[in-house]
Amino acid sequence: MREKRYYEIDKHGRALFHNQVDFCIGTGRMGLALQKEYQEQLRLVQEEIGFQHIRGHGLFSDDMAIYQEFEDESGVKRAEYNFTYLDLVMDSYRELGLRPFLELGFMPDKIASGDQTIFYWKGNTTPPQNYEAWCHMVTATLRHLMERYGEEEVVSWPIEVWNEPNLPGFWKDADMEEYFKLFLWTFRAIKELDCRFRVGGPAICGVQDELWIREFLSFCRREKIGLDFVTRHHYTTELPERVGHYGYTSLTDAEQGFANLKTTRDIIDSFEEFAGMEIHITEFNTSYIPNCPLHDTNQNAAYIAQQLSRLGDVNESYSYWTFGDIFEEQGVPFTPFHGGFGLVANGGIPKPTFWSFKFYKDLQGECVLKNQDMVLLRTKEGGYQGILWNAGRERTGRELDFTLDFPVDKEGEYLLITKTVDEDTCNPLRLWHNMGEPSSLSEKQKKLLKEAARPFLESRRLKEEDGKVRVSLTVKEYGVVYFEISPVREVGDRGYDYGRVIG
């Protein structure tokens, strides 16, 4: 089934497009940053895409070893702090040009009020038994970071209090009042340390999100909390069907998700003192489980390409969960392609969705057109850039034929560059399947999979006619195509004749 799309582009057109694709990226718990494969995947992501911030769980979990206790000479227990691993992790982030988006959690066992934990690595999700001890640990950690990296630098790092307290697994009993207490104590302690810190919450996900946002803002109003930003999460799949190690699920209607995000915007704007406040989506993906095969597919890449075109409409930023597959919420994965959250599969293999982010990062200029299938920008040099996608919730066999007429200022020829990611051109998952789905990759297999994980690059020259350049492109099902158009400037060497060379 082929569908045709024709557009005559208005170079003076303007479309809403707030492109913050590189603001933040998610990671598993911070302790994983001490692993070699983790660092290699993050370096690849930074070299190809380049994010500004990184956010993950477990800053205060016991594997980071920050909170410690000892008995003084009189037998009284006192707190002390160990920043050895924190320094290693933060140094590695800063080396790669990343600033933390600090998520404060989970609870050190020694000051936790209970023994409820979450995940394979047992992050404690109970309130502190002593709020003063919690706040002292938070401020001591921030003070240490300020001394190490400089006050001006560290106060620019956004701070989020806890993670998904509206879910009982992440916060005991999903106790709203107890979370508000945690937020109030933490907010005041941080602001007392340095009022320049920017602190936000409530980092909710899904369940009763409208109620939580409204009640959270009402609480901030009552307590006269000078909130700096609001955070929430965004996932777009149905409940998964569990089969063996995996969860199979279906995508939801993208419009429903965008409408839900708009509801959060409307609630915030209904509070006079918070109207227009920044919303940061500190986690988003299609599925919310780390063993969903959808994450490894071209279908995921096309759906995310559509998401990236609109997530900035009502949100300041949106952080993909996560950059890589070194991740252990449900244990250590058995295979390189196991449906992990990451943009990069274990072995350093980019997934198709990796390139959706790369393509958006490369966009520069003024947006002249955005719709359900594309986003187009006009560059300062008088050319154009754009991304086309063919997203779908289920397979239909649909292919999209685009014909685009671009007005140009200069006569002559134009260079068209295209980079294609679809099931035929950039599909390491298919090659891995054809290999027999090996759980342990040889170096030869890794090399082949990396070769299969690159976009297909094409180029051709187009002639300007009557002040326009026509571009015709086909986007296969679940495909994503990046393109750019620029004037050709001939600078060939004396005597070189390309036509004769290829003749």
Protein backbone atom coordinates (compact mmCIF):
# COMPACT_ATOMS: atom_id res chain seq x y z
CA MET A 1 0.00 0.00 0.00
CA ARG A 2 1.48 3.32 -1.09
CA GLU A 3 0.29 6.72 0.02
CA LYS A 4 1.39 9.90 -1.72
CA ARG A 5 2.18 13.14 0.07
CA TYR A 6 2.73 16.41 -1.83
CA TYR A 7 3.82 19.66 -0.18
CA GLU A 8 4.77 23.02 -1.62
CA ILE A 9 6.97 24.51 1.05
CA ASP A 10 6.64 28.13 2.13
CA LYS A 11 10.12 29.35 3.04
CA HIS A 12 8.54 32.03 5.22
CA GLY A 13 6.27 29.55 6.97
CA ARG A 14 6.63 29.03 10.72
CA ALA A 15 5.67 26.02 12.83
CA LEU A 16 5.94 25.41 16.57
CA PHE A 17 9.07 23.33 17.14
CA HIS A 18 10.97 23.47 20.41
CA ASN A 19 13.82 21.06 19.79
CA GLN A 20 15.40 20.06 23.10
CA VAL A 21 16.38 16.57 22.01
CA ASP A 22 19.83 16.88 23.58
CA PHE A 23 18.92 18.43 26.94
CA CYS A 24 18.99 15.24 29.00
CA ILE A 25 19.41 11.46 28.68
CA GLY A 26 18.54 8.78 31.21
CA THR A 27 20.73 6.11 32.74
CA GLY A 28 20.38 3.16 35.04
CA ARG A 29 21.47 3.55 38.64
CA MET A 30 24.58 5.64 39.12
CA GLY A 31 26.69 2.77 40.42
CA LEU A 32 26.66 1.20 36.95
CA ALA A 33 28.79 4.09 35.71
CA LEU A 34 31.81 2.33 37.20
CA GLN A 35 31.60 -0.38 34.50
CA LYS A 36 33.73 -0.32 31.35
CA GLU A 37 30.93 -1.25 28.92
CA TYR A 38 28.71 1.46 30.42
CA GLN A 39 31.38 4.08 29.80
CA GLU A 40 32.00 2.87 26.25
CA GLN A 41 28.30 3.09 25.38
CA LEU A 42 28.01 6.54 26.93
CA ARG A 43 31.08 7.76 25.04
CA LEU A 44 29.55 6.54 21.76
CA VAL A 45 26.30 8.37 22.53
CA GLN A 46 28.16 11.56 23.39
CA GLU A 47 30.38 11.42 20.29
CA GLU A 48 27.46 10.88 17.90
CA ILE A 49 24.65 12.81 19.62
CA GLY A 50 25.99 14.79 22.57
CA PHE A 51 23.58 15.33 25.44
CA GLN A 52 23.86 18.12 28.01
CA HIS A 53 22.58 16.39 31.15
CA ILE A 54 22.22 12.86 32.48
CA ARG A 55 19.70 11.57 35.05
CA GLY A 56 19.54 8.26 36.86
CA HIS A 57 18.43 6.50 40.03
CA GLY A 58 20.36 5.41 43.07
CA LEU A 59 22.47 8.43 44.01
CA PHE A 60 22.02 7.57 47.69
CA SER A 61 21.57 3.82 47.38
CA ASP A 62 23.99 1.72 49.38
CA ASP A 63 26.10 0.64 46.39
CA MET A 64 27.25 4.27 46.07
CA ALA A 65 28.26 4.10 49.76
CA ILE A 66 27.69 7.80 50.46
CA TYR A 67 25.91 7.50 53.80
CA GLN A 68 27.94 5.87 56.61
CA GLU A 69 27.71 5.75 60.39
CA PHE A 70 30.18 5.32 63.23
CA GLU A 71 30.09 5.35 67.01
CA ASP A 72 31.94 8.15 68.74
CA GLU A 73 33.85 7.74 72.02
CA SER A 74 30.66 8.04 74.05
CA GLY A 75 28.91 5.36 71.99
CA VAL A 76 26.65 7.77 70.09
CA LYS A 77 26.00 6.96 66.41
CA ARG A 78 27.05 9.73 64.08
CA ALA A 79 26.89 10.16 60.34
CA GLU A 80 29.83 10.41 57.99
CA TYR A 81 29.97 10.50 54.21
CA ASN A 82 32.02 8.64 51.64
CA PHE A 83 32.26 10.37 48.26
CA THR A 84 34.78 8.03 46.61
CA TYR A 85 32.38 6.48 44.10
CA LEU A 86 30.45 9.73 43.65
CA ASP A 87 33.65 11.45 42.52
CA LEU A 88 34.46 8.66 40.06
CA VAL A 89 31.00 8.82 38.53
CA MET A 90 30.80 12.60 38.34
CA ASP A 91 34.32 12.89 36.95
CA SER A 92 33.42 10.46 34.18
CA TYR A 93 30.27 12.44 33.33
CA ARG A 94 32.09 15.75 33.27
CA GLU A 95 34.84 14.27 31.07
CA LEU A 96 32.15 13.46 28.49
CA GLY A 97 30.62 16.94 28.67
CA LEU A 98 27.64 15.90 30.80
CA ARG A 99 26.07 17.70 33.74
CA PRO A 100 23.92 15.71 36.16
CA PHE A 101 20.18 16.23 36.42
CA LEU A 102 20.26 15.12 40.04
CA GLU A 103 17.51 12.77 41.17
CA LEU A 104 17.59 12.53 44.97
CA GLY A 105 16.99 8.88 45.93
CA PHE A 106 16.82 6.16 47.00
CA MET A 107 17.04 5.84 50.79
CA PRO A 108 20.23 4.56 52.46
CA ASP A 109 19.31 1.51 54.52
CA LYS A 110 20.81 3.00 57.69
CA ILE A 111 18.33 5.90 57.78
CA ALA A 112 15.37 4.18 56.07
CA SER A 113 12.15 3.75 58.02
CA GLY A 114 11.47 0.34 56.48
CA ASP A 115 12.89 -2.47 54.38
CA GLN A 116 10.76 -2.13 51.22
CA THR A 117 12.98 -2.22 48.13
CA ILE A 118 12.59 -2.16 44.38
CA PHE A 119 14.49 -3.79 41.53
CA TYR A 120 17.14 -6.46 41.36
CA TRP A 121 19.58 -4.11 43.06
CA LYS A 122 17.21 -3.40 45.98
CA GLY A 123 16.85 0.34 46.10
CA ASN A 124 15.13 1.25 49.37
CA THR A 125 11.87 3.11 48.74
CA THR A 126 10.76 4.07 52.25
CA PRO A 127 10.80 7.52 53.83
CA PRO A 128 13.66 8.45 56.15
CA GLN A 129 13.25 7.60 59.80
CA ASN A 130 14.96 10.90 60.51
CA TYR A 131 14.31 13.80 58.15
CA GLU A 132 17.15 15.84 59.59
CA ALA A 133 19.61 13.03 58.77
CA TRP A 134 18.26 12.88 55.21
CA CYS A 135 18.56 16.64 54.70
CA HIS A 136 22.04 16.76 56.20
CA MET A 137 23.16 14.02 53.78
CA VAL A 138 21.64 15.87 50.81
CA THR A 139 23.29 19.18 51.67
CA ALA A 140 26.61 17.55 52.56
CA THR A 141 26.62 15.89 49.14
CA LEU A 142 25.81 19.13 47.35
CA ARG A 143 28.41 21.01 49.36
CA HIS A 144 31.03 18.43 48.41
CA LEU A 145 30.11 18.73 44.72
CA MET A 146 30.34 22.52 44.94
CA GLU A 147 33.78 22.31 46.47
CA ARG A 148 34.94 19.85 43.83
CA TYR A 149 33.42 21.34 40.67
CA GLY A 150 32.77 24.95 41.66
CA GLU A 151 29.70 26.68 43.07
CA GLU A 152 28.70 28.38 39.82
CA GLU A 153 28.81 25.05 38.00
CA VAL A 154 26.94 22.90 40.50
CA VAL A 155 24.09 25.33 41.19
CA SER A 156 23.26 25.04 37.47
CA TRP A 157 22.49 21.31 37.88
CA PRO A 158 18.70 20.75 38.14
CA ILE A 159 17.57 18.80 41.20
CA GLU A 160 14.55 16.49 41.34
CA VAL A 161 13.23 15.10 44.62
CA TRP A 162 12.68 11.31 44.42
CA ASN A 163 11.27 9.21 41.54
CA GLU A 164 7.64 8.24 40.83
CA PRO A 165 6.25 8.61 44.37
CA ASN A 166 2.74 8.03 43.01
CA LEU A 167 3.64 4.36 42.48
CA PRO A 168 3.72 2.21 45.65
CA GLY A 169 6.77 0.29 44.44
CA PHE A 170 8.83 3.49 44.30
CA TRP A 171 7.47 5.15 47.46
CA LYS A 172 5.93 3.14 50.27
CA ASP A 173 2.14 3.06 49.91
CA ALA A 174 2.39 5.88 47.35
CA ASP A 175 1.80 8.10 50.38
CA MET A 176 1.15 11.55 48.96
CA GLU A 177 1.36 13.47 52.24
CA GLU A 178 4.60 11.74 53.18
CA TYR A 179 6.11 12.64 49.80
CA PHE A 180 5.03 16.25 50.23
CA LYS A 181 6.80 16.23 53.60
CA LEU A 182 9.96 14.86 51.97
CA PHE A 183 9.77 17.50 49.27
CA LEU A 184 9.25 20.36 51.74
CA TRP A 185 12.13 19.36 54.01
CA THR A 186 14.45 18.72 51.06
CA PHE A 187 13.52 21.90 49.20
CA ARG A 188 14.08 24.12 52.23
CA ALA A 189 17.40 22.47 53.09
CA ILE A 190 18.75 22.90 49.57
CA LYS A 191 17.61 26.51 49.28
CA GLU A 192 19.15 27.28 52.67
CA LEU A 193 22.45 25.91 51.38
CA ASP A 194 22.26 28.06 48.23
CA CYS A 195 19.10 29.70 46.94
CA ARG A 196 20.40 29.51 43.37
CA PHE A 197 19.75 25.76 43.18
CA ARG A 198 16.75 24.90 41.01
CA VAL A 199 14.55 22.22 42.63
CA GLY A 200 11.52 20.46 41.18
CA GLY A 201 9.15 17.49 41.39
CA PRO A 202 7.01 15.44 41.80
CA ALA A 203 8.50 13.09 39.14
CA ILE A 204 5.25 11.16 38.76
CA CYS A 205 4.42 8.50 36.21
CA GLY A 206 0.98 7.56 34.93
CA VAL A 207 -1.24 6.61 37.85
CA GLN A 208 -3.47 9.46 39.06
CA ASP A 209 -1.13 11.92 37.40
CA GLU A 210 -3.68 14.75 37.20
CA LEU A 211 -4.56 14.38 40.88
CA TRP A 212 -0.91 14.34 41.94
CA ILE A 213 0.05 17.39 39.89
CA ARG A 214 -2.91 19.40 41.17
CA GLU A 215 -2.40 18.39 44.81
CA PHE A 216 1.35 18.94 44.60
CA LEU A 217 0.90 22.50 43.34
CA SER A 218 -1.79 23.17 45.95
CA PHE A 219 0.65 21.99 48.61
CA CYS A 220 3.39 24.25 47.24
CA ARG A 221 0.92 27.14 47.32
CA ARG A 222 -0.07 26.48 50.95
CA GLU A 223 3.53 26.13 52.10
CA LYS A 224 4.69 29.07 49.95
CA ILE A 225 7.27 26.88 48.20
CA GLY A 226 9.00 28.76 45.38
CA LEU A 227 8.98 25.76 43.06
CA ASP A 228 11.41 26.05 40.14
CA PHE A 229 9.98 23.46 37.73
CA VAL A 230 7.61 20.50 37.47
CA THR A 231 8.70 16.99 36.46
CA ARG A 232 6.76 14.01 35.17
CA HIS A 233 7.26 10.89 33.04
CA HIS A 234 5.74 9.78 29.73
CA TYR A 235 5.33 6.22 28.42
CA THR A 236 3.17 5.13 25.50
CA THR A 237 2.34 1.40 25.59
CA GLU A 238 -0.38 -0.84 26.93
CA LEU A 239 0.11 -3.32 29.78
CA PRO A 240 2.65 -5.96 28.67
CA GLU A 241 2.05 -9.68 28.22
CA ARG A 242 4.77 -11.60 30.07
CA VAL A 243 6.40 -14.47 28.18
CA GLY A 244 9.59 -15.94 29.62
CA HIS A 245 12.12 -13.16 30.12
CA TYR A 246 10.13 -10.69 27.99
CA GLY A 247 7.15 -8.38 27.99
CA TYR A 248 5.26 -7.94 24.71
CA THR A 249 3.10 -4.87 24.38
CA SER A 250 1.29 -2.60 21.93
CA LEU A 251 1.76 1.09 21.32
CA THR A 252 -0.96 3.49 22.40
CA ASP A 253 -2.42 6.25 20.27
CA ALA A 254 0.18 9.02 20.20
CA GLU A 255 -2.53 11.69 20.27
CA GLN A 256 -3.79 10.41 23.62
CA GLY A 257 -0.29 10.77 25.05
CA PHE A 258 0.12 14.31 23.74
CA ALA A 259 -3.31 15.20 25.15
CA ASN A 260 -2.27 13.87 28.54
CA LEU A 261 0.86 16.05 28.48
CA LYS A 262 -1.26 19.05 27.56
CA THR A 263 -3.46 18.36 30.59
CA THR A 264 -0.43 18.73 32.86
CA ARG A 265 0.37 22.03 31.17
CA ASP A 266 -3.19 23.24 31.68
CA ILE A 267 -3.23 22.29 35.37
CA ILE A 268 0.00 24.17 36.03
CA ASP A 269 -1.20 27.22 34.14
CA SER A 270 -4.40 27.25 36.21
CA PHE A 271 -2.27 28.27 39.23
CA GLU A 272 -1.47 31.95 38.83
CA GLU A 273 1.87 31.73 40.63
CA PHE A 274 3.00 28.72 38.57
CA ALA A 275 1.58 29.62 35.14
CA GLY A 276 4.14 29.10 32.38
CA MET A 277 6.47 27.13 34.66
CA GLU A 278 8.90 24.74 32.98
CA ILE A 279 7.89 21.09 32.69
CA HIS A 280 10.71 18.59 32.38
CA ILE A 281 9.86 15.07 31.26
CA THR A 282 12.64 13.32 33.13
CA GLU A 283 11.78 9.92 31.64
CA PHE A 284 10.09 8.91 28.41
CA ASN A 285 10.08 5.91 26.10
CA THR A 286 7.53 3.69 24.43
CA SER A 287 7.37 0.85 26.97
CA TYR A 288 8.10 1.31 30.68
CA ILE A 289 9.71 -2.12 31.15
CA PRO A 290 13.39 -2.95 30.39
CA ASN A 291 12.65 -6.24 28.65
CA CYS A 292 10.31 -5.12 25.87
CA PRO A 293 11.50 -6.28 22.43
CA LEU A 294 9.76 -3.26 20.87
CA HIS A 295 12.64 -1.05 22.06
CA ASP A 296 15.09 -2.73 19.66
CA THR A 297 12.97 -2.27 16.53
CA ASN A 298 12.60 0.15 13.64
CA GLN A 299 8.98 0.55 14.70
CA ASN A 300 10.23 2.09 17.94
CA ALA A 301 12.53 4.44 16.00
CA ALA A 302 9.70 5.76 13.81
CA TYR A 303 7.31 6.22 16.72
CA ILE A 304 9.96 8.06 18.74
CA ALA A 305 10.77 10.26 15.72
CA GLN A 306 7.15 11.38 15.79
CA GLN A 307 7.31 11.93 19.56
CA LEU A 308 10.43 14.07 19.29
CA SER A 309 8.71 16.43 16.89
CA ARG A 310 6.07 17.37 19.48
CA LEU A 311 7.36 16.72 23.00
CA GLY A 312 8.71 20.26 23.10
CA ASP A 313 5.30 21.79 22.37
CA VAL A 314 4.36 22.09 26.05
CA ASN A 315 7.50 20.81 27.79
CA GLU A 316 10.87 22.43 28.36
CA SER A 317 12.75 19.14 28.00
CA TYR A 318 12.27 15.39 27.57
CA SER A 319 14.81 12.79 28.63
CA TYR A 320 14.85 9.39 26.91
CA TRP A 321 15.09 6.46 29.29
CA THR A 322 17.92 5.37 28.68
CA PHE A 323 21.16 5.85 26.72
CA GLY A 324 22.39 2.24 27.01
CA ASP A 325 21.54 -1.32 27.97
CA ILE A 326 23.85 -1.70 30.95
CA PHE A 327 20.80 -1.75 33.18
CA GLU A 328 19.65 -4.10 35.92
CA GLU A 329 16.13 -3.32 37.12
CA GLN A 330 15.03 -6.91 36.50
CA GLY A 331 18.48 -8.44 36.66
CA VAL A 332 21.37 -8.82 34.23
CA PRO A 333 19.99 -9.41 30.70
CA PHE A 334 20.71 -12.71 28.99
CA THR A 335 21.27 -11.45 25.42
CA PRO A 336 22.48 -8.29 23.62
CA PHE A 337 19.01 -7.74 22.12
CA HIS A 338 16.63 -8.22 25.03
CA GLY A 339 14.33 -5.22 24.66
CA GLY A 340 16.36 -2.95 26.92
CA PHE A 341 15.55 0.73 27.24
CA GLY A 342 18.82 1.88 25.72
CA LEU A 343 19.69 3.63 22.48
CA VAL A 344 22.71 1.30 22.39
CA ALA A 345 22.63 -2.49 22.73
CA ASN A 346 25.30 -4.26 24.74
CA GLY A 347 28.35 -4.70 22.57
CA GLY A 348 28.22 -1.03 21.56
CA ILE A 349 25.61 -1.59 18.81
CA PRO A 350 23.38 1.41 18.04
CA LYS A 351 19.68 0.57 17.76
CA PRO A 352 17.50 2.27 15.12
CA THR A 353 16.12 4.71 17.71
CA PHE A 354 19.68 5.97 18.29
CA TRP A 355 19.52 7.57 14.85
CA SER A 356 16.18 9.26 15.49
CA PHE A 357 17.99 11.22 18.21
CA LYS A 358 21.05 11.83 16.04
CA PHE A 359 18.89 13.18 13.22
CA TYR A 360 17.06 15.59 15.53
CA LYS A 361 20.34 16.75 17.06
CA ASP A 362 21.57 17.65 13.57
CA LEU A 363 18.59 19.91 12.81
CA GLN A 364 19.47 23.60 12.68
CA GLY A 365 17.42 26.55 11.49
CA GLU A 366 13.82 27.81 11.48
CA CYS A 367 10.99 25.28 11.33
CA VAL A 368 8.83 25.99 8.28
CA LEU A 369 6.55 22.93 8.43
CA LYS A 370 5.64 20.25 10.95
CA ASN A 371 2.90 17.65 10.72
CA GLN A 372 2.18 14.01 11.55
CA ASP A 373 4.83 12.74 9.09
CA MET A 374 7.64 15.29 9.04
CA VAL A 375 9.48 18.28 10.40
CA LEU A 376 11.22 20.67 7.97
CA LEU A 377 13.65 23.50 8.70
CA ARG A 378 15.17 26.26 6.58
CA THR A 379 18.85 26.83 7.26
CA LYS A 380 20.69 30.15 7.51
CA GLU A 381 22.52 29.29 4.27
CA GLY A 382 19.25 29.11 2.32
CA GLY A 383 18.99 25.34 2.25
CA TYR A 384 16.73 22.93 4.10
CA GLN A 385 16.90 20.06 6.56
CA GLY A 386 14.19 17.66 7.50
CA ILE A 387 13.11 14.36 8.98
CA LEU A 388 10.41 12.15 7.51
CA TRP A 389 8.97 9.11 9.28
CA ASN A 390 6.43 6.38 8.70
CA ALA A 391 5.16 5.55 12.18
CA GLY A 392 2.50 2.99 12.98
CA ARG A 393 1.04 1.15 15.95
CA GLU A 394 0.78 -2.06 13.95
CA ARG A 395 2.05 -3.40 10.65
CA THR A 396 0.01 -2.42 7.57
CA GLY A 397 2.53 -2.55 4.71
CA ARG A 398 2.12 1.18 4.11
CA GLU A 399 4.85 3.11 2.30
CA LEU A 400 4.85 6.90 2.01
CA ASP A 401 5.89 8.66 -1.19
CA PHE A 402 6.81 12.29 -0.50
CA THR A 403 7.10 14.98 -3.16
CA LEU A 404 8.38 18.25 -1.72
CA ASP A 405 8.87 21.49 -3.66
CA PHE A 406 11.35 23.80 -1.93
CA PRO A 407 11.71 27.47 -2.93
CA VAL A 408 15.37 28.44 -3.27
CA ASP A 409 17.21 31.74 -3.69
CA LYS A 410 20.02 30.69 -5.99
CA GLU A 411 20.04 29.26 -9.48
CA GLY A 412 22.01 26.14 -10.34
CA GLU A 413 22.32 22.73 -8.76
CA TYR A 414 21.66 21.61 -5.20
CA LEU A 415 23.10 18.72 -3.21
CA LEU A 416 20.62 16.33 -1.62
CA ILE A 417 21.93 14.12 1.19
CA THR A 418 19.69 11.44 2.67
CA LYS A 419 20.26 9.09 5.59
CA THR A 420 17.78 6.23 5.82
CA VAL A 421 16.94 4.02 8.77
CA ASP A 422 14.40 1.31 8.02
CA GLU A 423 14.05 -2.44 8.26
CA ASP A 424 16.08 -3.00 5.10
CA THR A 425 18.87 -0.45 5.55
CA CYS A 426 19.60 -0.23 9.28
CA ASN A 427 18.37 -3.22 11.23
CA PRO A 428 20.89 -4.95 13.51
CA LEU A 429 18.06 -6.87 15.19
CA ARG A 430 17.33 -8.75 11.96
CA LEU A 431 20.97 -9.67 11.47
CA TRP A 432 21.21 -10.87 15.08
CA HIS A 433 18.14 -13.03 14.51
CA ASN A 434 19.60 -14.43 11.28
CA MET A 435 22.81 -15.25 13.17
CA GLY A 436 20.77 -17.52 15.43
CA GLU A 437 20.24 -14.98 18.25
CA PRO A 438 23.59 -15.60 20.00
CA SER A 439 23.66 -14.58 23.66
CA SER A 440 27.44 -14.08 23.68
CA LEU A 441 28.77 -12.18 20.69
CA SER A 442 32.15 -12.86 19.14
CA GLU A 443 34.22 -9.91 17.97
CA LYS A 444 33.36 -10.79 14.37
CA GLN A 445 29.65 -10.80 15.16
CA LYS A 446 29.91 -7.46 16.96
CA LYS A 447 31.64 -5.93 13.98
CA LEU A 448 28.99 -7.19 11.57
CA LEU A 449 26.16 -5.96 13.80
CA LYS A 450 27.73 -2.51 14.02
CA GLU A 451 27.98 -2.42 10.22
CA ALA A 452 24.28 -3.32 10.02
CA ALA A 453 23.46 -0.55 12.50
CA ARG A 454 24.47 2.40 10.30
CA PRO A 455 22.03 4.52 8.28
CA PHE A 456 22.12 4.15 4.50
CA LEU A 457 23.68 7.30 3.04
CA GLU A 458 22.80 8.53 -0.45
CA SER A 459 23.56 11.71 -2.39
CA ARG A 460 22.47 13.23 -5.65
CA ARG A 461 22.33 16.59 -7.41
CA LEU A 462 19.06 18.34 -8.08
CA LYS A 463 18.45 21.13 -10.60
CA GLU A 464 16.70 24.29 -9.62
CA GLU A 465 13.77 25.04 -11.92
CA ASP A 466 11.65 28.19 -11.72
CA GLY A 467 13.08 29.00 -8.31
CA LYS A 468 12.28 25.60 -6.84
CA VAL A 469 13.99 22.32 -6.09
CA ARG A 470 11.83 19.18 -6.10
CA VAL A 471 12.67 16.32 -3.74
CA SER A 472 11.00 12.93 -4.09
CA LEU A 473 11.55 10.41 -1.28
CA THR A 474 9.96 7.13 -0.26
CA VAL A 475 9.79 6.17 3.41
CA LYS A 476 9.17 2.50 3.99
CA GLU A 477 7.08 1.18 6.84
CA TYR A 478 8.64 2.04 10.20
CA GLY A 479 11.27 4.06 8.34
CA VAL A 480 12.95 7.33 9.32
CA VAL A 481 14.72 9.48 6.71
CA TYR A 482 16.90 12.50 7.41
CA PHE A 483 17.71 14.82 4.49
CA GLU A 484 19.43 18.09 3.79
CA ILE A 485 19.55 20.33 0.71
CA SER A 486 22.30 22.87 0.05
CA PRO A 487 23.61 24.80 -2.97
CA VAL A 488 26.48 23.17 -4.86
CA ARG A 489 29.60 25.28 -5.14
CA GLU A 490 31.96 23.90 -7.79
CA VAL A 491 35.57 23.86 -6.61
CA GLY A 492 37.02 21.05 -8.77
CA ASP A 493 40.68 20.78 -9.67
CA ARG A 494 41.99 21.85 -13.10
CA GLY A 495 41.57 19.08 -15.63
CA TYR A 496 39.32 16.88 -13.50
CA ASP A 497 36.24 15.67 -15.42
CA TYR A 498 33.88 13.58 -13.30
CA GLY A 499 31.73 12.62 -16.30
CA ARG A 500 34.76 11.30 -18.08
CA VAL A 501 35.91 9.44 -14.94
CA ILE A 502 32.71 7.45 -14.59
CA GLY A 503 32.04 7.37 -18.37
